[in-house]
Amino acid sequence: MKLGVFSALYGGMTFDAALAKLKSLGVESVEIPAGGYPGKAHCDPEKLLADRDAFFKFVQTIEKYGLDVCALSVHGNPVHPDKAIAKAFDDDFRRAVLMAEKLGVDTIVTFSGCPGDSEGSKYPNWVTCPWPDDFLKILDYQWNEVLIPYWKEAVAFANAHGVTKIALEMHPGFCVYNPETCLRLRAAVGPTIGANFDPSHLIWQDIDPVLAIRKLADAIYHVHAKDTKIDPYNSRTDGVLDTKHYGDELHRSWVFRAVGYGNGMQYWRDIVSNLRLVGYDKVMSIEHEDSLMSIDEGLGKAVDFLRKAIISEPKPGSMAWA
């Protein structure tokens, strides 16, 4: 397994400077934002695909630092009820697929998206309970009339351009937010759909990451290394469905943390070991969203922590003691 970083955290730097920084930390792989919510600071597919020299320089920069590209990320909501917003996210997704094809990358990381409650909606509607019955009607509309048809067509487009793994980040607020919903969409659309396994979004839902890994198994296509700390006081008072700003750390029920600052070494070693048990042995891509630490400090601590947790050598072919 390799140590990677989602380079969006250094979007304020040039691509060259960002990769130099990652290389100096001993990072082996990079996940590059290519549109959607993460932006296009380092990779704007529309421009790079239209400019041969710019594309060549982009590839040269990656090769200069000896890094491999594990995925392009284009998190968005391509089924947004506002058609203009949906089209912008869908355009970004398709351009990222074409960019991945040209780079020889087979994995795109994104969100499933979330439609509204009807054709006339203005905003997404994330359903979290089955009653009153209106909510089940919304879910039926979202899944059967919008989500499944969209992803069937999007998968066909991706496959036609060499992208065989669409790793959906299971994120509350979108239709795919846990293992069950990820596998539901995969069953409806096909095995191109899989998971970007980000424990941080599961932890605050009271999902055990190890159990989730075992349930998803070979549907795990990418992994984000990010932690969450549950506040033992606020969560017991107000639950975990928290809409307070991420910057209001003292009063929130949970906050995102660098790996090791939400849960300890054995917790993360169990995650790593179970990823190997189900056959995932690619990259753990650090995503820095710790609001209590600077980017440099948070990333540095995450790298140091994961070096001790990751199993980097191949699984032995034989066991001398057995």
Protein backbone atom coordinates (compact mmCIF):
# COMPACT_ATOMS: atom_id res chain seq x y z
CA MET A 1 0.00 0.00 0.00
CA LYS A 2 1.26 3.47 -0.86
CA LEU A 3 1.04 6.75 1.00
CA GLY A 4 -0.76 9.42 -1.01
CA VAL A 5 -2.17 12.92 -0.59
CA PHE A 6 -5.19 14.69 -2.03
CA SER A 7 -3.39 17.76 -3.38
CA ALA A 8 -6.38 20.09 -2.99
CA LEU A 9 -4.90 21.21 0.35
CA TYR A 10 -2.12 23.01 -1.54
CA GLY A 11 -4.39 24.59 -4.14
CA GLY A 12 -2.88 27.98 -3.31
CA MET A 13 0.52 26.82 -4.57
CA THR A 14 1.68 26.15 -8.07
CA PHE A 15 1.41 22.51 -9.10
CA ASP A 16 5.20 22.24 -9.15
CA ALA A 17 5.56 23.69 -5.64
CA ALA A 18 2.79 21.47 -4.28
CA LEU A 19 4.39 18.31 -5.66
CA ALA A 20 7.80 19.38 -4.37
CA LYS A 21 6.30 19.75 -0.91
CA LEU A 22 4.63 16.33 -1.08
CA LYS A 23 7.81 14.68 -2.37
CA SER A 24 9.82 16.15 0.51
CA LEU A 25 7.45 14.41 2.94
CA GLY A 26 8.02 11.02 1.32
CA VAL A 27 4.63 10.84 -0.38
CA GLU A 28 4.46 8.29 -3.21
CA SER A 29 1.15 9.03 -4.93
CA VAL A 30 -1.06 12.02 -5.60
CA GLU A 31 -4.82 12.40 -5.99
CA ILE A 32 -5.43 15.48 -8.13
CA PRO A 33 -8.54 17.69 -7.99
CA ALA A 34 -9.93 18.23 -11.47
CA GLY A 35 -13.17 20.14 -10.99
CA GLY A 36 -16.32 20.22 -8.92
CA TYR A 37 -16.11 21.34 -5.30
CA PRO A 38 -12.31 20.75 -5.01
CA GLY A 39 -11.66 23.14 -7.90
CA LYS A 40 -9.16 23.09 -10.77
CA ALA A 41 -6.14 24.91 -9.35
CA HIS A 42 -3.72 22.18 -10.39
CA CYS A 43 -5.63 20.49 -13.18
CA ASP A 44 -8.16 22.13 -15.47
CA PRO A 45 -9.04 19.37 -17.94
CA GLU A 46 -10.77 21.72 -20.36
CA LYS A 47 -7.57 23.74 -20.79
CA LEU A 48 -5.09 20.87 -20.60
CA LEU A 49 -6.96 18.76 -23.14
CA ALA A 50 -7.01 21.66 -25.59
CA ASP A 51 -3.35 22.65 -25.20
CA ARG A 52 -0.78 19.99 -26.07
CA ASP A 53 2.13 21.94 -24.59
CA ALA A 54 0.31 22.60 -21.34
CA PHE A 55 -0.61 18.94 -21.02
CA PHE A 56 2.99 17.88 -21.68
CA LYS A 57 4.24 20.30 -19.00
CA PHE A 58 1.65 18.95 -16.56
CA VAL A 59 2.81 15.36 -17.11
CA GLN A 60 6.47 16.40 -16.94
CA THR A 61 5.87 18.00 -13.55
CA ILE A 62 4.43 14.75 -12.18
CA GLU A 63 7.31 12.72 -13.63
CA LYS A 64 9.86 15.20 -12.28
CA TYR A 65 8.93 14.22 -8.72
CA GLY A 66 8.51 10.51 -9.38
CA LEU A 67 4.91 10.45 -8.20
CA ASP A 68 2.08 8.39 -9.63
CA VAL A 69 -1.47 9.66 -10.05
CA CYS A 70 -3.83 7.38 -8.13
CA ALA A 71 -7.06 9.21 -9.05
CA LEU A 72 -8.63 12.40 -10.34
CA SER A 73 -11.20 13.91 -8.01
CA VAL A 74 -14.20 15.85 -9.23
CA HIS A 75 -16.61 15.82 -6.28
CA GLY A 76 -19.91 17.40 -7.29
CA ASN A 77 -23.67 17.06 -7.54
CA PRO A 78 -24.46 16.20 -11.16
CA VAL A 79 -28.10 15.44 -10.28
CA HIS A 80 -28.73 18.81 -8.61
CA PRO A 81 -32.33 19.95 -9.21
CA ASP A 82 -31.07 23.25 -10.64
CA LYS A 83 -30.33 22.16 -14.20
CA ALA A 84 -27.58 24.73 -14.72
CA ILE A 85 -25.76 23.60 -11.57
CA ALA A 86 -26.21 19.95 -12.49
CA LYS A 87 -24.81 20.55 -15.99
CA ALA A 88 -21.74 22.34 -14.64
CA PHE A 89 -20.93 19.40 -12.34
CA ASP A 90 -21.65 16.88 -15.09
CA ASP A 91 -19.42 18.77 -17.53
CA ASP A 92 -16.62 18.70 -14.96
CA PHE A 93 -17.11 14.96 -14.45
CA ARG A 94 -16.93 14.20 -18.18
CA ARG A 95 -13.88 16.36 -18.73
CA ALA A 96 -12.17 14.66 -15.79
CA VAL A 97 -12.93 11.29 -17.39
CA LEU A 98 -11.35 12.43 -20.65
CA MET A 99 -8.34 13.73 -18.73
CA ALA A 100 -8.02 10.43 -16.87
CA GLU A 101 -8.12 8.59 -20.18
CA LYS A 102 -5.26 10.66 -21.54
CA LEU A 103 -3.24 10.15 -18.35
CA GLY A 104 -3.93 6.42 -18.19
CA VAL A 105 -5.74 6.76 -14.84
CA ASP A 106 -8.66 4.39 -14.27
CA THR A 107 -10.22 5.93 -11.12
CA ILE A 108 -12.42 8.98 -10.66
CA VAL A 109 -13.46 10.07 -7.15
CA THR A 110 -16.75 11.94 -6.76
CA PHE A 111 -20.10 12.10 -4.96
CA SER A 112 -23.30 10.34 -6.00
CA GLY A 113 -25.16 13.63 -5.85
CA CYS A 114 -28.58 14.32 -4.41
CA PRO A 115 -31.65 15.43 -6.39
CA GLY A 116 -34.53 17.51 -5.09
CA ASP A 117 -37.87 16.05 -4.07
CA SER A 118 -39.51 16.60 -7.48
CA GLU A 119 -39.00 18.06 -10.93
CA GLY A 120 -39.83 21.52 -9.63
CA SER A 121 -37.32 21.57 -6.77
CA LYS A 122 -34.74 24.28 -6.31
CA TYR A 123 -32.48 22.56 -3.78
CA PRO A 124 -31.32 19.01 -2.97
CA ASN A 125 -33.35 17.09 -0.39
CA TRP A 126 -31.43 14.55 1.69
CA VAL A 127 -33.89 12.10 3.23
CA THR A 128 -32.93 10.57 6.59
CA CYS A 129 -36.15 8.91 7.81
CA PRO A 130 -39.02 6.86 6.32
CA TRP A 131 -41.99 8.63 7.92
CA PRO A 132 -44.19 10.49 7.21
CA ASP A 133 -44.67 8.56 3.99
CA ASP A 134 -43.80 11.62 1.89
CA PHE A 135 -40.14 10.80 2.47
CA LEU A 136 -40.40 7.36 0.92
CA LYS A 137 -42.03 8.93 -2.15
CA ILE A 138 -39.12 11.34 -2.39
CA LEU A 139 -36.62 8.48 -2.19
CA ASP A 140 -38.46 6.57 -4.90
CA TYR A 141 -38.33 9.61 -7.18
CA GLN A 142 -34.68 10.36 -6.43
CA TRP A 143 -33.39 6.84 -6.96
CA ASN A 144 -35.58 5.49 -9.74
CA GLU A 145 -36.22 8.58 -11.83
CA VAL A 146 -32.97 10.53 -11.39
CA LEU A 147 -30.02 8.83 -9.69
CA ILE A 148 -30.00 5.39 -11.33
CA PRO A 149 -30.70 6.67 -14.87
CA TYR A 150 -27.99 9.33 -14.53
CA TRP A 151 -25.31 6.92 -13.30
CA LYS A 152 -26.15 4.26 -15.88
CA GLU A 153 -25.38 6.75 -18.62
CA ALA A 154 -22.36 8.22 -16.78
CA VAL A 155 -20.87 4.76 -16.28
CA ALA A 156 -21.25 3.98 -19.98
CA PHE A 157 -19.42 7.20 -20.83
CA ALA A 158 -16.65 6.48 -18.32
CA ASN A 159 -16.17 2.91 -19.55
CA ALA A 160 -15.96 4.10 -23.15
CA HIS A 161 -12.97 6.23 -22.10
CA GLY A 162 -11.07 3.73 -19.98
CA VAL A 163 -12.35 4.74 -16.56
CA THR A 164 -13.43 1.52 -14.90
CA LYS A 165 -13.67 2.71 -11.29
CA ILE A 166 -15.96 5.49 -10.10
CA ALA A 167 -15.23 5.79 -6.39
CA LEU A 168 -18.18 7.46 -4.71
CA GLU A 169 -17.37 9.18 -1.45
CA MET A 170 -20.03 8.09 1.02
CA HIS A 171 -20.98 11.51 2.35
CA PRO A 172 -24.10 12.57 4.28
CA GLY A 173 -26.12 15.04 2.26
CA PHE A 174 -25.91 12.83 -0.83
CA CYS A 175 -27.89 9.72 -1.77
CA VAL A 176 -24.85 7.48 -1.30
CA TYR A 177 -23.74 8.09 2.28
CA ASN A 178 -23.06 4.63 3.76
CA PRO A 179 -22.14 1.09 2.61
CA GLU A 180 -25.78 0.09 2.09
CA THR A 181 -26.56 2.95 -0.28
CA CYS A 182 -23.26 2.53 -2.13
CA LEU A 183 -23.94 -1.14 -2.74
CA ARG A 184 -27.53 -0.36 -3.73
CA LEU A 185 -26.38 1.95 -6.53
CA ARG A 186 -23.66 -0.53 -7.54
CA ALA A 187 -26.27 -3.32 -7.81
CA ALA A 188 -28.48 -1.11 -9.98
CA VAL A 189 -25.76 0.30 -12.25
CA GLY A 190 -22.91 -2.19 -12.28
CA PRO A 191 -19.44 -2.76 -10.82
CA THR A 192 -17.91 0.43 -12.21
CA ILE A 193 -19.57 2.05 -9.20
CA GLY A 194 -17.63 1.54 -5.98
CA ALA A 195 -16.58 3.39 -2.85
CA ASN A 196 -14.09 6.03 -1.94
CA PHE A 197 -13.66 4.76 1.61
CA ASP A 198 -13.36 7.82 3.85
CA PRO A 199 -13.70 6.75 7.50
CA SER A 200 -14.28 10.32 8.68
CA HIS A 201 -17.78 10.45 7.19
CA LEU A 202 -18.69 7.07 8.63
CA ILE A 203 -17.38 7.58 12.16
CA TRP A 204 -19.85 10.33 13.05
CA GLN A 205 -22.72 8.20 11.75
CA ASP A 206 -21.69 5.58 14.36
CA ILE A 207 -20.51 3.21 11.62
CA ASP A 208 -17.60 0.93 12.50
CA PRO A 209 -15.03 1.42 9.68
CA VAL A 210 -13.77 -2.18 9.94
CA LEU A 211 -17.28 -3.61 9.57
CA ALA A 212 -17.90 -1.22 6.67
CA ILE A 213 -14.70 -2.39 4.95
CA ARG A 214 -15.79 -6.01 5.27
CA LYS A 215 -19.24 -5.21 3.88
CA LEU A 216 -17.93 -3.23 0.91
CA ALA A 217 -15.00 -5.61 0.26
CA ASP A 218 -13.98 -5.49 -3.43
CA ALA A 219 -16.22 -2.47 -4.03
CA ILE A 220 -13.57 -0.26 -2.36
CA TYR A 221 -11.75 1.57 -5.15
CA HIS A 222 -9.99 4.38 -3.27
CA VAL A 223 -9.30 5.39 0.34
CA HIS A 224 -9.14 8.78 2.02
CA ALA A 225 -7.15 8.97 5.24
CA LYS A 226 -9.07 11.42 7.41
CA ASP A 227 -10.23 11.12 11.00
CA THR A 228 -13.17 12.38 13.04
CA LYS A 229 -13.36 13.15 16.75
CA ILE A 230 -16.74 12.72 18.40
CA ASP A 231 -17.25 15.25 21.19
CA PRO A 232 -18.40 13.15 24.17
CA TYR A 233 -20.36 16.04 25.70
CA ASN A 234 -22.07 17.78 22.80
CA SER A 235 -22.97 14.54 21.01
CA ARG A 236 -24.65 13.11 24.10
CA THR A 237 -26.66 16.29 24.53
CA ASP A 238 -27.69 17.07 20.95
CA GLY A 239 -26.85 13.98 18.87
CA VAL A 240 -24.61 13.95 15.82
CA LEU A 241 -26.81 15.58 13.17
CA ASP A 242 -24.94 18.85 13.58
CA THR A 243 -25.42 21.85 11.29
CA LYS A 244 -23.18 24.28 13.17
CA HIS A 245 -20.28 25.72 11.16
CA TYR A 246 -17.17 23.56 11.05
CA GLY A 247 -15.27 26.44 12.61
CA ASP A 248 -17.37 26.31 15.78
CA GLU A 249 -15.32 23.37 17.06
CA LEU A 250 -16.04 23.87 20.75
CA HIS A 251 -19.79 23.50 20.33
CA ARG A 252 -19.99 20.91 17.56
CA SER A 253 -20.85 17.26 18.21
CA TRP A 254 -17.91 16.16 16.05
CA VAL A 255 -15.04 17.65 14.08
CA PHE A 256 -12.74 16.39 11.34
CA ARG A 257 -9.21 15.68 12.54
CA ALA A 258 -5.89 14.58 11.11
CA VAL A 259 -5.43 10.82 11.39
CA GLY A 260 -4.46 9.90 14.93
CA TYR A 261 -6.21 12.87 16.50
CA GLY A 262 -9.67 11.35 16.36
CA ASN A 263 -8.75 7.72 16.94
CA GLY A 264 -5.53 5.99 17.96
CA MET A 265 -2.91 3.86 16.27
CA GLN A 266 -4.57 0.47 16.83
CA TYR A 267 -7.83 1.83 15.35
CA TRP A 268 -6.03 2.83 12.16
CA ARG A 269 -3.91 -0.32 12.05
CA ASP A 270 -7.16 -2.32 12.11
CA ILE A 271 -8.45 -0.25 9.18
CA VAL A 272 -5.25 -0.84 7.19
CA SER A 273 -5.21 -4.57 7.98
CA ASN A 274 -8.83 -5.08 7.02
CA LEU A 275 -8.33 -3.19 3.76
CA ARG A 276 -5.63 -5.73 2.93
CA LEU A 277 -7.86 -8.61 4.02
CA VAL A 278 -10.53 -7.62 1.47
CA GLY A 279 -7.97 -7.13 -1.28
CA TYR A 280 -7.43 -3.35 -1.28
CA ASP A 281 -3.70 -2.63 -1.45
CA LYS A 282 -3.45 0.59 -3.45
CA VAL A 283 -3.20 4.04 -1.87
CA MET A 284 -4.22 5.75 1.36
CA SER A 285 -4.73 9.33 0.26
CA ILE A 286 -4.48 11.86 3.08
CA GLU A 287 -7.21 14.49 3.00
CA HIS A 288 -6.42 17.37 5.35
CA GLU A 289 -9.50 19.04 6.84
CA ASP A 290 -8.35 19.52 10.43
CA SER A 291 -9.44 23.03 11.47
CA LEU A 292 -7.29 22.96 14.62
CA MET A 293 -4.00 22.63 12.74
CA SER A 294 -2.26 24.42 9.92
CA ILE A 295 -2.04 22.54 6.65
CA ASP A 296 1.68 21.88 7.03
CA GLU A 297 1.43 20.66 10.61
CA GLY A 298 -1.69 18.57 10.03
CA LEU A 299 -0.28 16.94 6.91
CA GLY A 300 3.10 16.35 8.50
CA LYS A 301 1.58 14.66 11.54
CA ALA A 302 -0.71 12.56 9.33
CA VAL A 303 2.24 11.39 7.21
CA ASP A 304 4.28 10.46 10.30
CA PHE A 305 1.32 8.61 11.81
CA LEU A 306 0.40 6.66 8.69
CA ARG A 307 3.98 5.57 8.03
CA LYS A 308 3.62 3.49 11.21
CA ALA A 309 0.19 2.16 10.26
CA ILE A 310 0.47 1.37 6.56
CA ILE A 311 1.60 -2.08 5.44
CA SER A 312 3.82 -1.14 2.52
CA GLU A 313 5.44 -4.41 1.46
CA PRO A 314 3.53 -7.01 -0.58
CA LYS A 315 1.66 -9.73 1.25
CA PRO A 316 3.97 -12.76 1.68
CA GLY A 317 3.36 -15.57 -0.76
CA SER A 318 4.10 -18.22 1.84
CA MET A 319 4.22 -18.48 5.62
CA ALA A 320 7.33 -20.31 6.79
CA TRP A 321 5.78 -21.12 10.14
CA ALA A 322 2.60 -22.65 8.74
